[in-house]
Amino acid sequence: MSDHLNAAINRVASAILPQDVGAGKDATGGAVISLTEAVMGITAGLVRVADALLDVANAIRENHAA
């Protein structure tokens, strides 16, 4: 059981912060060195897309009501 637990912990740790991979670049040129940072960046991008879609929906409602 201990070997399985150690292997699982190592896989999670490697997914979060790989030891053998250099930093990547995000859309703003910043360094991304972990899976967590990459997910946070994707989430921030999706929030911007959702905000833009809300703006479009509001503009359509305003034009439709006029």
C-alpha atoms as a PDB file:
ATOM      1  CA  MET A   1       0.000   0.000   0.000  1.00  0.00           C
ATOM      2  CA  SER A   2       2.804   2.413   0.827  1.00  0.00           C
ATOM      3  CA  ASP A   3       4.380   2.033  -2.631  1.00  0.00           C
ATOM      4  CA  HIS A   4       1.036   2.781  -4.313  1.00  0.00           C
ATOM      5  CA  LEU A   5       0.511   5.835  -2.126  1.00  0.00           C
ATOM      6  CA  ASN A   6       4.020   7.132  -2.806  1.00  0.00           C
ATOM      7  CA  ALA A   7       3.584   6.627  -6.541  1.00  0.00           C
ATOM      8  CA  ALA A   8       0.237   8.437  -6.496  1.00  0.00           C
ATOM      9  CA  ILE A   9       1.696  11.370  -4.557  1.00  0.00           C
ATOM     10  CA  ASN A  10       4.604  11.593  -7.000  1.00  0.00           C
ATOM     11  CA  ARG A  11       2.229  11.608  -9.993  1.00  0.00           C
ATOM     12  CA  VAL A  12       0.165  14.424  -8.475  1.00  0.00           C
ATOM     13  CA  ALA A  13       3.283  16.406  -7.587  1.00  0.00           C
ATOM     14  CA  SER A  14       4.656  15.962 -11.107  1.00  0.00           C
ATOM     15  CA  ALA A  15       1.373  17.070 -12.674  1.00  0.00           C
ATOM     16  CA  ILE A  16       1.312  20.208 -10.560  1.00  0.00           C
ATOM     17  CA  LEU A  17       4.983  21.099 -10.955  1.00  0.00           C
ATOM     18  CA  PRO A  18       6.863  18.904 -13.435  1.00  0.00           C
ATOM     19  CA  GLN A  19      10.542  18.636 -12.586  1.00  0.00           C
ATOM     20  CA  ASP A  20      11.779  18.027 -16.129  1.00  0.00           C
ATOM     21  CA  VAL A  21       9.867  20.711 -18.024  1.00  0.00           C
ATOM     22  CA  GLY A  22      10.922  24.301 -18.545  1.00  0.00           C
ATOM     23  CA  ALA A  23       8.577  27.224 -18.073  1.00  0.00           C
ATOM     24  CA  GLY A  24       6.064  27.913 -20.801  1.00  0.00           C
ATOM     25  CA  LYS A  25       4.665  31.290 -21.839  1.00  0.00           C
ATOM     26  CA  ASP A  26       1.101  32.488 -21.364  1.00  0.00           C
ATOM     27  CA  ALA A  27      -0.794  34.906 -23.612  1.00  0.00           C
ATOM     28  CA  THR A  28       0.717  37.926 -21.852  1.00  0.00           C
ATOM     29  CA  GLY A  29       4.281  36.605 -22.054  1.00  0.00           C
ATOM     30  CA  GLY A  30       4.414  35.528 -18.430  1.00  0.00           C
ATOM     31  CA  ALA A  31       6.046  32.311 -17.299  1.00  0.00           C
ATOM     32  CA  VAL A  32       3.861  29.294 -16.574  1.00  0.00           C
ATOM     33  CA  ILE A  33       5.689  26.566 -14.699  1.00  0.00           C
ATOM     34  CA  SER A  34       2.862  24.462 -13.312  1.00  0.00           C
ATOM     35  CA  LEU A  35      -0.402  22.844 -14.264  1.00  0.00           C
ATOM     36  CA  THR A  36      -2.113  24.967 -11.631  1.00  0.00           C
ATOM     37  CA  GLU A  37      -0.911  28.195 -13.256  1.00  0.00           C
ATOM     38  CA  ALA A  38      -1.988  26.943 -16.674  1.00  0.00           C
ATOM     39  CA  VAL A  39      -5.486  26.131 -15.417  1.00  0.00           C
ATOM     40  CA  MET A  40      -5.721  29.522 -13.718  1.00  0.00           C
ATOM     41  CA  GLY A  41      -4.753  31.216 -16.982  1.00  0.00           C
ATOM     42  CA  ILE A  42      -7.331  29.269 -18.951  1.00  0.00           C
ATOM     43  CA  THR A  43      -9.958  30.113 -16.350  1.00  0.00           C
ATOM     44  CA  ALA A  44      -9.116  33.827 -16.558  1.00  0.00           C
ATOM     45  CA  GLY A  45      -9.469  33.662 -20.339  1.00  0.00           C
ATOM     46  CA  LEU A  46     -12.831  31.921 -20.089  1.00  0.00           C
ATOM     47  CA  VAL A  47     -14.060  34.580 -17.667  1.00  0.00           C
ATOM     48  CA  ARG A  48     -13.143  37.259 -20.237  1.00  0.00           C
ATOM     49  CA  VAL A  49     -15.043  35.345 -22.931  1.00  0.00           C
ATOM     50  CA  ALA A  50     -18.093  35.049 -20.658  1.00  0.00           C
ATOM     51  CA  ASP A  51     -17.960  38.788 -19.891  1.00  0.00           C
ATOM     52  CA  ALA A  52     -17.783  39.595 -23.604  1.00  0.00           C
ATOM     53  CA  LEU A  53     -20.756  37.333 -24.327  1.00  0.00           C
ATOM     54  CA  LEU A  54     -22.720  39.058 -21.569  1.00  0.00           C
ATOM     55  CA  ASP A  55     -21.922  42.432 -23.146  1.00  0.00           C
ATOM     56  CA  VAL A  56     -23.142  41.168 -26.540  1.00  0.00           C
ATOM     57  CA  ALA A  57     -26.341  39.800 -24.988  1.00  0.00           C
ATOM     58  CA  ASN A  58     -26.985  43.106 -23.222  1.00  0.00           C
ATOM     59  CA  ALA A  59     -26.442  45.053 -26.455  1.00  0.00           C
ATOM     60  CA  ILE A  60     -28.888  42.768 -28.290  1.00  0.00           C
ATOM     61  CA  ARG A  61     -31.483  43.244 -25.533  1.00  0.00           C
ATOM     62  CA  GLU A  62     -31.058  47.034 -25.621  1.00  0.00           C
ATOM     63  CA  ASN A  63     -31.430  47.166 -29.425  1.00  0.00           C
ATOM     64  CA  HIS A  64     -34.380  44.786 -29.379  1.00  0.00           C
ATOM     65  CA  ALA A  65     -36.195  46.852 -26.730  1.00  0.00           C
ATOM     66  CA  ALA A  66     -35.681  50.141 -28.606  1.00  0.00           C
END
